[in-house]
């Protein structure tokens, strides 16, 4: 499995790129509610956390087991 300098597999990198594309597109929308930007950013951070967990499980399988 090829891992890039960010710790992502090619498929994970694609997910992250699409997430950032979605983030930039969302910021181009007009604001309809004062909390929507912060809520969207929070959701992006949750997804980034899931991607980070994949890296951690791969690098430290004894402390962060995988269930395949």
N, C-alpha and C. Protein backbone atom coordinates (compact mmCIF):
# COMPACT_ATOMS: atom_id res chain seq x y z
N UNK A 1 0.85 -1.17 0.00
CA UNK A 1 0.00 0.00 0.00
C UNK A 1 0.90 1.24 0.00
N UNK A 2 0.68 2.10 -0.94
CA UNK A 2 1.48 3.33 -1.05
C UNK A 2 0.89 4.41 -0.15
N UNK A 3 1.74 5.00 0.67
CA UNK A 3 1.35 6.08 1.59
C UNK A 3 2.10 7.34 1.19
N UNK A 4 1.38 8.48 1.10
CA UNK A 4 2.06 9.72 0.73
C UNK A 4 2.64 10.44 1.95
N UNK A 5 3.24 11.58 1.73
CA UNK A 5 3.92 12.32 2.82
C UNK A 5 2.95 12.83 3.88
N UNK A 6 1.66 12.84 3.59
CA UNK A 6 0.66 13.25 4.57
C UNK A 6 0.13 12.06 5.37
N UNK A 7 0.54 10.85 4.98
CA UNK A 7 0.08 9.65 5.67
C UNK A 7 -1.13 8.99 5.02
N UNK A 8 -1.61 9.56 3.93
CA UNK A 8 -2.80 9.03 3.26
C UNK A 8 -2.46 7.98 2.21
N UNK A 9 -3.36 7.02 2.06
CA UNK A 9 -3.33 6.15 0.89
C UNK A 9 -3.86 6.98 -0.27
N UNK A 10 -3.71 6.53 -1.51
CA UNK A 10 -4.28 7.28 -2.64
C UNK A 10 -5.79 7.49 -2.52
N UNK A 11 -6.51 6.49 -2.05
CA UNK A 11 -7.96 6.64 -1.89
C UNK A 11 -8.31 7.64 -0.80
N UNK A 12 -7.57 7.59 0.31
CA UNK A 12 -7.80 8.55 1.39
C UNK A 12 -7.48 9.97 0.93
N UNK A 13 -6.42 10.12 0.16
CA UNK A 13 -6.04 11.43 -0.38
C UNK A 13 -7.16 11.98 -1.24
N UNK A 14 -7.77 11.12 -2.04
CA UNK A 14 -8.88 11.56 -2.90
C UNK A 14 -10.06 12.03 -2.06
N UNK A 15 -10.36 11.32 -0.98
CA UNK A 15 -11.44 11.74 -0.08
C UNK A 15 -11.12 13.11 0.50
N UNK A 16 -9.87 13.29 0.96
CA UNK A 16 -9.48 14.58 1.55
C UNK A 16 -9.56 15.71 0.52
N UNK A 17 -9.13 15.45 -0.69
CA UNK A 17 -9.20 16.47 -1.74
C UNK A 17 -10.64 16.85 -2.04
N UNK A 18 -11.53 15.85 -2.09
CA UNK A 18 -12.96 16.13 -2.34
C UNK A 18 -13.56 16.90 -1.17
N UNK A 19 -13.14 16.56 0.04
CA UNK A 19 -13.62 17.28 1.22
C UNK A 19 -13.23 18.75 1.15
N UNK A 20 -11.97 19.02 0.77
CA UNK A 20 -11.52 20.41 0.67
C UNK A 20 -12.21 21.13 -0.48
N UNK A 21 -12.50 20.42 -1.56
CA UNK A 21 -13.25 20.99 -2.67
C UNK A 21 -14.66 21.38 -2.20
N UNK A 22 -15.27 20.49 -1.43
CA UNK A 22 -16.61 20.76 -0.88
C UNK A 22 -16.56 21.95 0.07
N UNK A 23 -15.55 22.01 0.91
CA UNK A 23 -15.38 23.11 1.86
C UNK A 23 -15.29 24.45 1.13
N UNK A 24 -14.45 24.50 0.10
CA UNK A 24 -14.30 25.76 -0.65
C UNK A 24 -15.61 26.13 -1.35
N UNK A 25 -16.32 25.15 -1.88
CA UNK A 25 -17.59 25.42 -2.54
C UNK A 25 -18.62 25.94 -1.54
N UNK A 26 -18.63 25.38 -0.36
CA UNK A 26 -19.58 25.83 0.66
C UNK A 26 -19.32 27.28 1.04
N UNK A 27 -18.04 27.64 1.15
CA UNK A 27 -17.71 29.02 1.52
C UNK A 27 -18.14 30.02 0.45
N UNK A 28 -18.35 29.56 -0.77
CA UNK A 28 -18.82 30.43 -1.84
C UNK A 28 -20.32 30.69 -1.78
N UNK A 29 -21.05 29.91 -0.97
CA UNK A 29 -22.49 30.12 -0.84
C UNK A 29 -22.78 31.36 -0.01
N UNK A 30 -23.93 31.97 -0.28
CA UNK A 30 -24.34 33.09 0.56
C UNK A 30 -24.79 32.55 1.92
N UNK A 31 -24.54 33.31 2.95
CA UNK A 31 -24.89 32.89 4.31
C UNK A 31 -26.40 33.05 4.50
N UNK A 32 -27.03 31.97 4.96
CA UNK A 32 -28.46 32.00 5.23
C UNK A 32 -28.78 31.92 6.72
N UNK A 33 -27.78 31.53 7.50
CA UNK A 33 -27.97 31.44 8.95
C UNK A 33 -26.62 31.73 9.60
N UNK A 34 -26.59 32.48 10.68
CA UNK A 34 -25.31 32.89 11.27
C UNK A 34 -24.42 31.75 11.76
N UNK A 35 -24.98 30.60 12.07
CA UNK A 35 -24.16 29.52 12.61
C UNK A 35 -23.76 28.48 11.56
N UNK A 36 -24.26 28.61 10.34
CA UNK A 36 -24.01 27.54 9.37
C UNK A 36 -22.54 27.36 9.01
N UNK A 37 -21.79 28.44 8.92
CA UNK A 37 -20.37 28.31 8.57
C UNK A 37 -19.62 27.54 9.66
N UNK A 38 -19.83 27.91 10.91
CA UNK A 38 -19.16 27.21 12.01
C UNK A 38 -19.58 25.75 12.09
N UNK A 39 -20.86 25.47 11.85
CA UNK A 39 -21.34 24.09 11.88
C UNK A 39 -20.72 23.28 10.75
N UNK A 40 -20.59 23.88 9.59
CA UNK A 40 -19.99 23.18 8.46
C UNK A 40 -18.52 22.89 8.74
N UNK A 41 -17.82 23.87 9.26
CA UNK A 41 -16.41 23.68 9.59
C UNK A 41 -16.24 22.59 10.64
N UNK A 42 -17.13 22.54 11.62
CA UNK A 42 -17.09 21.49 12.64
C UNK A 42 -17.25 20.12 11.98
N UNK A 43 -18.17 20.02 11.03
CA UNK A 43 -18.39 18.75 10.33
C UNK A 43 -17.16 18.36 9.51
N UNK A 44 -16.52 19.32 8.88
CA UNK A 44 -15.29 19.05 8.14
C UNK A 44 -14.22 18.50 9.09
N UNK A 45 -14.12 19.10 10.26
CA UNK A 45 -13.14 18.63 11.24
C UNK A 45 -13.45 17.21 11.71
N UNK A 46 -14.71 16.87 11.83
CA UNK A 46 -15.08 15.50 12.20
C UNK A 46 -14.60 14.52 11.14
N UNK A 47 -14.80 14.85 9.88
CA UNK A 47 -14.38 13.97 8.79
C UNK A 47 -12.85 13.89 8.75
N UNK A 48 -12.18 15.00 8.95
CA UNK A 48 -10.72 14.98 8.99
C UNK A 48 -10.24 14.09 10.14
N UNK A 49 -10.96 14.11 11.25
CA UNK A 49 -10.61 13.25 12.38
C UNK A 49 -10.74 11.77 12.03
N UNK A 50 -11.76 11.44 11.24
CA UNK A 50 -11.92 10.05 10.80
C UNK A 50 -10.75 9.63 9.91
N UNK A 51 -10.34 10.52 9.03
CA UNK A 51 -9.19 10.21 8.17
C UNK A 51 -7.92 10.08 9.01
N UNK A 52 -7.76 10.93 10.00
CA UNK A 52 -6.60 10.86 10.88
C UNK A 52 -6.58 9.54 11.64
N UNK A 53 -7.75 9.08 12.08
CA UNK A 53 -7.84 7.81 12.80
C UNK A 53 -7.34 6.65 11.94
N UNK A 54 -7.58 6.71 10.65
CA UNK A 54 -7.10 5.65 9.76
C UNK A 54 -5.57 5.61 9.75
N UNK A 55 -4.96 6.80 9.73
CA UNK A 55 -3.50 6.87 9.75
C UNK A 55 -2.97 6.31 11.07
N UNK A 56 -3.58 6.71 12.17
CA UNK A 56 -3.14 6.27 13.49
C UNK A 56 -3.27 4.75 13.62
N UNK A 57 -4.40 4.19 13.18
CA UNK A 57 -4.58 2.73 13.27
C UNK A 57 -3.54 2.00 12.43
N UNK A 58 -3.20 2.56 11.29
CA UNK A 58 -2.22 1.94 10.42
C UNK A 58 -0.82 1.97 11.06
N UNK A 59 -0.47 3.09 11.67
CA UNK A 59 0.86 3.27 12.24
C UNK A 59 1.02 2.64 13.62
N UNK A 60 -0.06 2.55 14.38
CA UNK A 60 0.01 2.04 15.75
C UNK A 60 -1.08 1.00 16.00
N UNK A 61 -1.01 -0.12 15.30
CA UNK A 61 -2.09 -1.12 15.39
C UNK A 61 -2.26 -1.75 16.77
N UNK A 62 -1.24 -1.76 17.60
CA UNK A 62 -1.38 -2.35 18.94
C UNK A 62 -2.26 -1.50 19.84
N UNK A 63 -2.15 -0.20 19.72
CA UNK A 63 -2.94 0.70 20.57
C UNK A 63 -4.27 1.10 19.93
N UNK A 64 -4.37 0.98 18.63
CA UNK A 64 -5.56 1.42 17.90
C UNK A 64 -5.94 0.32 16.90
N UNK A 65 -6.59 -0.74 17.41
CA UNK A 65 -6.85 -1.90 16.54
C UNK A 65 -7.83 -1.59 15.42
N UNK A 66 -7.67 -2.39 14.38
CA UNK A 66 -8.56 -2.31 13.21
C UNK A 66 -9.52 -3.48 13.26
N UNK A 67 -10.74 -3.27 12.82
CA UNK A 67 -11.75 -4.31 12.77
C UNK A 67 -12.20 -4.45 11.34
N UNK A 68 -11.59 -5.38 10.63
CA UNK A 68 -11.90 -5.54 9.21
C UNK A 68 -12.90 -6.64 8.98
